[in-house]
Amino acid sequence: MTHSPVHSAGNSPIKTALQAGKTYAWCACGRSMKQPFCDGSHQGTGIDPVIFTAEVEGDVWLCLCKKANTAPTCDGSHKK
């Protein structure tokens, strides 16, 4: 399996409503057409989505630049 570079899906985070207790797959490769979530486009890249379960109900800012050290949430890395 070859490792492909990560693609930025945007230059700012996206406000996303999450349901408490629901499991999500955040796109880590930047190729998904369903940003910020995975649609399987990472297949063959060696980059896997970040699987997480929302702990609380409500809006969060999810990373689109794919550089956040706090993925899947934004940490401001897109400003650097």
PDB file of N, CA and C in Angstrom:
ATOM      1  N   MET A   1       0.843  -1.170   0.000  1.00  0.00           N
ATOM      2  CA  MET A   1       0.000   0.000   0.000  1.00  0.00           C
ATOM      3  C   MET A   1       0.890   1.236   0.000  1.00  0.00           C
ATOM      4  N   THR A   2       0.614   2.176  -0.894  1.00  0.00           N
ATOM      5  CA  THR A   2       1.399   3.395  -0.949  1.00  0.00           C
ATOM      6  C   THR A   2       0.739   4.482  -0.116  1.00  0.00           C
ATOM      7  N   HIS A   3       1.555   5.368   0.394  1.00  0.00           N
ATOM      8  CA  HIS A   3       1.031   6.474   1.174  1.00  0.00           C
ATOM      9  C   HIS A   3       0.920   7.702   0.289  1.00  0.00           C
ATOM     10  N   SER A   4      -0.288   8.199   0.146  1.00  0.00           N
ATOM     11  CA  SER A   4      -0.531   9.391  -0.646  1.00  0.00           C
ATOM     12  C   SER A   4      -0.576  10.599   0.275  1.00  0.00           C
ATOM     13  N   PRO A   5      -0.234  11.759  -0.237  1.00  0.00           N
ATOM     14  CA  PRO A   5      -0.293  12.946   0.611  1.00  0.00           C
ATOM     15  C   PRO A   5      -1.731  13.293   0.983  1.00  0.00           C
ATOM     16  N   VAL A   6      -1.848  13.926   2.131  1.00  0.00           N
ATOM     17  CA  VAL A   6      -3.143  14.397   2.596  1.00  0.00           C
ATOM     18  C   VAL A   6      -3.508  15.643   1.816  1.00  0.00           C
ATOM     19  N   HIS A   7      -4.756  15.762   1.434  1.00  0.00           N
ATOM     20  CA  HIS A   7      -5.262  16.924   0.710  1.00  0.00           C
ATOM     21  C   HIS A   7      -6.080  17.788   1.650  1.00  0.00           C
ATOM     22  N   SER A   8      -5.893  19.086   1.577  1.00  0.00           N
ATOM     23  CA  SER A   8      -6.726  20.005   2.339  1.00  0.00           C
ATOM     24  C   SER A   8      -8.093  20.063   1.677  1.00  0.00           C
ATOM     25  N   ALA A   9      -9.147  20.017   2.492  1.00  0.00           N
ATOM     26  CA  ALA A   9     -10.500  20.118   1.959  1.00  0.00           C
ATOM     27  C   ALA A   9     -11.071  21.516   2.167  1.00  0.00           C
ATOM     28  N   GLY A  10     -10.284  22.397   2.772  1.00  0.00           N
ATOM     29  CA  GLY A  10     -10.737  23.764   3.002  1.00  0.00           C
ATOM     30  C   GLY A  10      -9.745  24.533   3.838  1.00  0.00           C
ATOM     31  N   ASN A  11      -9.928  25.848   3.875  1.00  0.00           N
ATOM     32  CA  ASN A  11      -9.020  26.720   4.604  1.00  0.00           C
ATOM     33  C   ASN A  11      -9.577  27.200   5.935  1.00  0.00           C
ATOM     34  N   SER A  12     -10.688  26.630   6.352  1.00  0.00           N
ATOM     35  CA  SER A  12     -11.289  26.982   7.632  1.00  0.00           C
ATOM     36  C   SER A  12     -12.095  25.777   8.113  1.00  0.00           C
ATOM     37  N   PRO A  13     -12.426  25.741   9.400  1.00  0.00           N
ATOM     38  CA  PRO A  13     -13.202  24.608   9.909  1.00  0.00           C
ATOM     39  C   PRO A  13     -14.661  24.703   9.460  1.00  0.00           C
ATOM     40  N   ILE A  14     -15.401  23.636   9.664  1.00  0.00           N
ATOM     41  CA  ILE A  14     -16.810  23.619   9.317  1.00  0.00           C
ATOM     42  C   ILE A  14     -17.628  23.312  10.567  1.00  0.00           C
ATOM     43  N   LYS A  15     -18.638  24.143  10.813  1.00  0.00           N
ATOM     44  CA  LYS A  15     -19.524  23.949  11.958  1.00  0.00           C
ATOM     45  C   LYS A  15     -20.426  22.752  11.659  1.00  0.00           C
ATOM     46  N   THR A  16     -20.416  21.785  12.565  1.00  0.00           N
ATOM     47  CA  THR A  16     -21.123  20.531  12.332  1.00  0.00           C
ATOM     48  C   THR A  16     -21.918  20.133  13.567  1.00  0.00           C
ATOM     49  N   ALA A  17     -23.185  19.819  13.379  1.00  0.00           N
ATOM     50  CA  ALA A  17     -24.040  19.360  14.480  1.00  0.00           C
ATOM     51  C   ALA A  17     -23.824  17.865  14.680  1.00  0.00           C
ATOM     52  N   LEU A  18     -23.476  17.486  15.907  1.00  0.00           N
ATOM     53  CA  LEU A  18     -23.255  16.077  16.232  1.00  0.00           C
ATOM     54  C   LEU A  18     -24.306  15.610  17.231  1.00  0.00           C
ATOM     55  N   GLN A  19     -24.612  14.313  17.172  1.00  0.00           N
ATOM     56  CA  GLN A  19     -25.557  13.693  18.092  1.00  0.00           C
ATOM     57  C   GLN A  19     -24.775  12.929  19.156  1.00  0.00           C
ATOM     58  N   ALA A  20     -25.061  13.194  20.410  1.00  0.00           N
ATOM     59  CA  ALA A  20     -24.377  12.517  21.511  1.00  0.00           C
ATOM     60  C   ALA A  20     -24.541  11.006  21.389  1.00  0.00           C
ATOM     61  N   GLY A  21     -23.439  10.291  21.555  1.00  0.00           N
ATOM     62  CA  GLY A  21     -23.457   8.837  21.502  1.00  0.00           C
ATOM     63  C   GLY A  21     -23.328   8.253  20.104  1.00  0.00           C
ATOM     64  N   LYS A  22     -23.408   9.072  19.081  1.00  0.00           N
ATOM     65  CA  LYS A  22     -23.295   8.590  17.701  1.00  0.00           C
ATOM     66  C   LYS A  22     -21.828   8.525  17.295  1.00  0.00           C
ATOM     67  N   THR A  23     -21.465   7.495  16.536  1.00  0.00           N
ATOM     68  CA  THR A  23     -20.104   7.320  16.059  1.00  0.00           C
ATOM     69  C   THR A  23     -19.979   7.886  14.646  1.00  0.00           C
ATOM     70  N   TYR A  24     -18.892   8.617  14.421  1.00  0.00           N
ATOM     71  CA  TYR A  24     -18.628   9.276  13.144  1.00  0.00           C
ATOM     72  C   TYR A  24     -17.262   8.864  12.618  1.00  0.00           C
ATOM     73  N   ALA A  25     -17.087   8.993  11.300  1.00  0.00           N
ATOM     74  CA  ALA A  25     -15.794   8.744  10.658  1.00  0.00           C
ATOM     75  C   ALA A  25     -15.383  10.045   9.969  1.00  0.00           C
ATOM     76  N   TRP A  26     -14.423  10.749  10.597  1.00  0.00           N
ATOM     77  CA  TRP A  26     -13.929  12.021  10.057  1.00  0.00           C
ATOM     78  C   TRP A  26     -12.901  11.748   8.966  1.00  0.00           C
ATOM     79  N   CYS A  27     -13.054  12.402   7.839  1.00  0.00           N
ATOM     80  CA  CYS A  27     -12.131  12.245   6.711  1.00  0.00           C
ATOM     81  C   CYS A  27     -10.766  12.833   7.065  1.00  0.00           C
ATOM     82  N   ALA A  28      -9.738  12.002   7.047  1.00  0.00           N
ATOM     83  CA  ALA A  28      -8.373  12.449   7.346  1.00  0.00           C
ATOM     84  C   ALA A  28      -7.552  12.671   6.080  1.00  0.00           C
ATOM     85  N   CYS A  29      -8.023  12.165   4.951  1.00  0.00           N
ATOM     86  CA  CYS A  29      -7.235  12.264   3.715  1.00  0.00           C
ATOM     87  C   CYS A  29      -7.568  13.510   2.892  1.00  0.00           C
ATOM     88  N   GLY A  30      -8.755  14.075   3.099  1.00  0.00           N
ATOM     89  CA  GLY A  30      -9.169  15.260   2.358  1.00  0.00           C
ATOM     90  C   GLY A  30      -9.827  14.970   1.030  1.00  0.00           C
ATOM     91  N   ARG A  31      -9.993  13.716   0.667  1.00  0.00           N
ATOM     92  CA  ARG A  31     -10.535  13.348  -0.640  1.00  0.00           C
ATOM     93  C   ARG A  31     -12.058  13.154  -0.656  1.00  0.00           C
ATOM     94  N   SER A  32     -12.671  13.004   0.505  1.00  0.00           N
ATOM     95  CA  SER A  32     -14.098  12.711   0.588  1.00  0.00           C
ATOM     96  C   SER A  32     -14.938  13.822  -0.031  1.00  0.00           C
ATOM     97  N   MET A  33     -15.981  13.440  -0.723  1.00  0.00           N
ATOM     98  CA  MET A  33     -16.933  14.399  -1.277  1.00  0.00           C
ATOM     99  C   MET A  33     -18.013  14.730  -0.248  1.00  0.00           C
ATOM    100  N   LYS A  34     -17.957  14.103   0.929  1.00  0.00           N
ATOM    101  CA  LYS A  34     -18.937  14.319   1.999  1.00  0.00           C
ATOM    102  C   LYS A  34     -18.270  14.972   3.209  1.00  0.00           C
ATOM    103  N   GLN A  35     -17.371  15.914   2.979  1.00  0.00           N
ATOM    104  CA  GLN A  35     -16.639  16.584   4.052  1.00  0.00           C
ATOM    105  C   GLN A  35     -17.583  17.113   5.113  1.00  0.00           C
ATOM    106  N   PRO A  36     -17.232  17.000   6.363  1.00  0.00           N
ATOM    107  CA  PRO A  36     -15.953  16.578   6.911  1.00  0.00           C
ATOM    108  C   PRO A  36     -15.875  15.074   7.171  1.00  0.00           C
ATOM    109  N   PHE A  37     -16.866  14.336   6.677  1.00  0.00           N
ATOM    110  CA  PHE A  37     -16.926  12.909   6.973  1.00  0.00           C
ATOM    111  C   PHE A  37     -16.407  12.053   5.820  1.00  0.00           C
ATOM    112  N   CYS A  38     -16.031  10.837   6.156  1.00  0.00           N
ATOM    113  CA  CYS A  38     -15.450   9.890   5.212  1.00  0.00           C
ATOM    114  C   CYS A  38     -16.506   9.306   4.275  1.00  0.00           C
ATOM    115  N   ASP A  39     -16.149   9.167   2.999  1.00  0.00           N
ATOM    116  CA  ASP A  39     -17.005   8.476   2.033  1.00  0.00           C
ATOM    117  C   ASP A  39     -16.286   7.280   1.407  1.00  0.00           C
ATOM    118  N   GLY A  40     -15.126   6.911   1.979  1.00  0.00           N
ATOM    119  CA  GLY A  40     -14.367   5.771   1.472  1.00  0.00           C
ATOM    120  C   GLY A  40     -13.325   6.124   0.428  1.00  0.00           C
ATOM    121  N   SER A  41     -13.190   7.395   0.087  1.00  0.00           N
ATOM    122  CA  SER A  41     -12.238   7.820  -0.943  1.00  0.00           C
ATOM    123  C   SER A  41     -10.783   7.581  -0.562  1.00  0.00           C
ATOM    124  N   HIS A  42     -10.516   7.292   0.705  1.00  0.00           N
ATOM    125  CA  HIS A  42      -9.151   7.051   1.174  1.00  0.00           C
ATOM    126  C   HIS A  42      -8.622   5.677   0.772  1.00  0.00           C
ATOM    127  N   GLN A  43      -9.461   4.808   0.276  1.00  0.00           N
ATOM    128  CA  GLN A  43      -9.052   3.441  -0.058  1.00  0.00           C
ATOM    129  C   GLN A  43      -7.796   3.447  -0.925  1.00  0.00           C
ATOM    130  N   GLY A  44      -6.790   2.727  -0.477  1.00  0.00           N
ATOM    131  CA  GLY A  44      -5.543   2.612  -1.215  1.00  0.00           C
ATOM    132  C   GLY A  44      -4.535   3.712  -0.937  1.00  0.00           C
ATOM    133  N   THR A  45      -4.868   4.664  -0.068  1.00  0.00           N
ATOM    134  CA  THR A  45      -3.959   5.780   0.206  1.00  0.00           C
ATOM    135  C   THR A  45      -3.065   5.515   1.408  1.00  0.00           C
ATOM    136  N   GLY A  46      -3.467   4.576   2.273  1.00  0.00           N
ATOM    137  CA  GLY A  46      -2.738   4.357   3.510  1.00  0.00           C
ATOM    138  C   GLY A  46      -3.146   5.326   4.608  1.00  0.00           C
ATOM    139  N   ILE A  47      -4.145   6.152   4.333  1.00  0.00           N
ATOM    140  CA  ILE A  47      -4.652   7.116   5.305  1.00  0.00           C
ATOM    141  C   ILE A  47      -6.045   6.662   5.729  1.00  0.00           C
ATOM    142  N   ASP A  48      -6.229   6.457   7.014  1.00  0.00           N
ATOM    143  CA  ASP A  48      -7.511   6.000   7.529  1.00  0.00           C
ATOM    144  C   ASP A  48      -8.286   7.145   8.166  1.00  0.00           C
ATOM    145  N   PRO A  49      -9.625   7.072   8.139  1.00  0.00           N
ATOM    146  CA  PRO A  49     -10.418   8.097   8.808  1.00  0.00           C
ATOM    147  C   PRO A  49     -10.239   8.012  10.321  1.00  0.00           C
ATOM    148  N   VAL A  50     -10.586   9.098  10.998  1.00  0.00           N
ATOM    149  CA  VAL A  50     -10.564   9.129  12.457  1.00  0.00           C
ATOM    150  C   VAL A  50     -11.978   8.787  12.925  1.00  0.00           C
ATOM    151  N   ILE A  51     -12.097   7.666  13.627  1.00  0.00           N
ATOM    152  CA  ILE A  51     -13.390   7.230  14.137  1.00  0.00           C
ATOM    153  C   ILE A  51     -13.554   7.812  15.543  1.00  0.00           C
ATOM    154  N   PHE A  52     -14.688   8.471  15.780  1.00  0.00           N
ATOM    155  CA  PHE A  52     -14.936   9.044  17.105  1.00  0.00           C
ATOM    156  C   PHE A  52     -16.424   8.992  17.437  1.00  0.00           C
ATOM    157  N   THR A  53     -16.717   9.000  18.714  1.00  0.00           N
ATOM    158  CA  THR A  53     -18.089   9.033  19.197  1.00  0.00           C
ATOM    159  C   THR A  53     -18.317  10.369  19.887  1.00  0.00           C
ATOM    160  N   ALA A  54     -19.352  11.072  19.472  1.00  0.00           N
ATOM    161  CA  ALA A  54     -19.661  12.372  20.063  1.00  0.00           C
ATOM    162  C   ALA A  54     -20.072  12.180  21.522  1.00  0.00           C
ATOM    163  N   GLU A  55     -19.424  12.921  22.393  1.00  0.00           N
ATOM    164  CA  GLU A  55     -19.718  12.817  23.819  1.00  0.00           C
ATOM    165  C   GLU A  55     -20.893  13.694  24.224  1.00  0.00           C
ATOM    166  N   VAL A  56     -21.079  14.800  23.497  1.00  0.00           N
ATOM    167  CA  VAL A  56     -22.181  15.710  23.801  1.00  0.00           C
ATOM    168  C   VAL A  56     -22.943  16.059  22.526  1.00  0.00           C
ATOM    169  N   GLU A  57     -24.181  16.467  22.689  1.00  0.00           N
ATOM    170  CA  GLU A  57     -25.029  16.903  21.587  1.00  0.00           C
ATOM    171  C   GLU A  57     -24.729  18.359  21.272  1.00  0.00           C
ATOM    172  N   GLY A  58     -24.615  18.686  20.005  1.00  0.00           N
ATOM    173  CA  GLY A  58     -24.454  20.080  19.636  1.00  0.00           C
ATOM    174  C   GLY A  58     -23.450  20.319  18.537  1.00  0.00           C
ATOM    175  N   ASP A  59     -23.184  21.591  18.318  1.00  0.00           N
ATOM    176  CA  ASP A  59     -22.293  22.012  17.240  1.00  0.00           C
ATOM    177  C   ASP A  59     -20.834  21.982  17.679  1.00  0.00           C
ATOM    178  N   VAL A  60     -19.983  21.514  16.777  1.00  0.00           N
ATOM    179  CA  VAL A  60     -18.530  21.539  16.966  1.00  0.00           C
ATOM    180  C   VAL A  60     -17.904  22.027  15.665  1.00  0.00           C
ATOM    181  N   TRP A  61     -16.677  22.500  15.755  1.00  0.00           N
ATOM    182  CA  TRP A  61     -15.944  22.952  14.569  1.00  0.00           C
ATOM    183  C   TRP A  61     -14.968  21.848  14.178  1.00  0.00           C
ATOM    184  N   LEU A  62     -15.242  21.195  13.057  1.00  0.00           N
ATOM    185  CA  LEU A  62     -14.388  20.105  12.585  1.00  0.00           C
ATOM    186  C   LEU A  62     -13.405  20.620  11.535  1.00  0.00           C
ATOM    187  N   CYS A  63     -12.206  20.094  11.600  1.00  0.00           N
ATOM    188  CA  CYS A  63     -11.102  20.506  10.741  1.00  0.00           C
ATOM    189  C   CYS A  63     -11.337  20.104   9.282  1.00  0.00           C
ATOM    190  N   LEU A  64     -11.031  21.025   8.374  1.00  0.00           N
ATOM    191  CA  LEU A  64     -11.049  20.723   6.942  1.00  0.00           C
ATOM    192  C   LEU A  64      -9.663  20.803   6.321  1.00  0.00           C
ATOM    193  N   CYS A  65      -8.719  21.491   6.997  1.00  0.00           N
ATOM    194  CA  CYS A  65      -7.378  21.634   6.422  1.00  0.00           C
ATOM    195  C   CYS A  65      -6.562  20.347   6.577  1.00  0.00           C
ATOM    196  N   LYS A  66      -7.009  19.481   7.496  1.00  0.00           N
ATOM    197  CA  LYS A  66      -6.385  18.168   7.760  1.00  0.00           C
ATOM    198  C   LYS A  66      -5.011  18.286   8.410  1.00  0.00           C
ATOM    199  N   LYS A  67      -4.728  19.437   9.050  1.00  0.00           N
ATOM    200  CA  LYS A  67      -3.448  19.647   9.723  1.00  0.00           C
ATOM    201  C   LYS A  67      -3.577  19.741  11.238  1.00  0.00           C
ATOM    202  N   ALA A  68      -4.809  19.694  11.768  1.00  0.00           N
ATOM    203  CA  ALA A  68      -5.047  19.883  13.201  1.00  0.00           C
ATOM    204  C   ALA A  68      -4.408  18.771  14.031  1.00  0.00           C
ATOM    205  N   ASN A  69      -3.750  19.168  15.103  1.00  0.00           N
ATOM    206  CA  ASN A  69      -3.194  18.195  16.045  1.00  0.00           C
ATOM    207  C   ASN A  69      -4.275  17.633  16.959  1.00  0.00           C
ATOM    208  N   THR A  70      -5.459  18.233  16.897  1.00  0.00           N
ATOM    209  CA  THR A  70      -6.589  17.818  17.725  1.00  0.00           C
ATOM    210  C   THR A  70      -7.688  17.172  16.892  1.00  0.00           C
ATOM    211  N   ALA A  71      -7.336  16.660  15.731  1.00  0.00           N
ATOM    212  CA  ALA A  71      -8.321  16.069  14.818  1.00  0.00           C
ATOM    213  C   ALA A  71      -9.221  15.094  15.565  1.00  0.00           C
ATOM    214  N   PRO A  72     -10.505  15.163  15.309  1.00  0.00           N
ATOM    215  CA  PRO A  72     -11.132  15.836  14.179  1.00  0.00           C
ATOM    216  C   PRO A  72     -11.516  17.296  14.418  1.00  0.00           C
ATOM    217  N   THR A  73     -11.332  17.803  15.626  1.00  0.00           N
ATOM    218  CA  THR A  73     -11.715  19.194  15.881  1.00  0.00           C
ATOM    219  C   THR A  73     -10.608  20.155  15.452  1.00  0.00           C
ATOM    220  N   CYS A  74     -11.007  21.346  15.106  1.00  0.00           N
ATOM    221  CA  CYS A  74     -10.084  22.383  14.667  1.00  0.00           C
ATOM    222  C   CYS A  74      -9.264  22.922  15.833  1.00  0.00           C
ATOM    223  N   ASP A  75      -7.981  23.151  15.592  1.00  0.00           N
ATOM    224  CA  ASP A  75      -7.111  23.771  16.599  1.00  0.00           C
ATOM    225  C   ASP A  75      -6.463  25.053  16.061  1.00  0.00           C
ATOM    226  N   GLY A  76      -6.953  25.537  14.931  1.00  0.00           N
ATOM    227  CA  GLY A  76      -6.422  26.768  14.340  1.00  0.00           C
ATOM    228  C   GLY A  76      -5.230  26.558  13.421  1.00  0.00           C
ATOM    229  N   SER A  77      -4.852  25.320  13.147  1.00  0.00           N
ATOM    230  CA  SER A  77      -3.691  25.027  12.297  1.00  0.00           C
ATOM    231  C   SER A  77      -3.848  25.615  10.895  1.00  0.00           C
ATOM    232  N   HIS A  78      -5.076  25.822  10.426  1.00  0.00           N
ATOM    233  CA  HIS A  78      -5.293  26.374   9.089  1.00  0.00           C
ATOM    234  C   HIS A  78      -4.785  27.811   8.979  1.00  0.00           C
ATOM    235  N   LYS A  79      -4.536  28.474  10.110  1.00  0.00           N
ATOM    236  CA  LYS A  79      -4.066  29.855  10.111  1.00  0.00           C
ATOM    237  C   LYS A  79      -2.551  29.950   9.987  1.00  0.00           C
ATOM    238  N   LYS A  80      -1.865  28.804  10.077  1.00  0.00           N
ATOM    239  CA  LYS A  80      -0.397  28.791  10.043  1.00  0.00           C
ATOM    240  C   LYS A  80       0.128  28.582   8.648  1.00  0.00           C
TER     241      LYS A  80
END
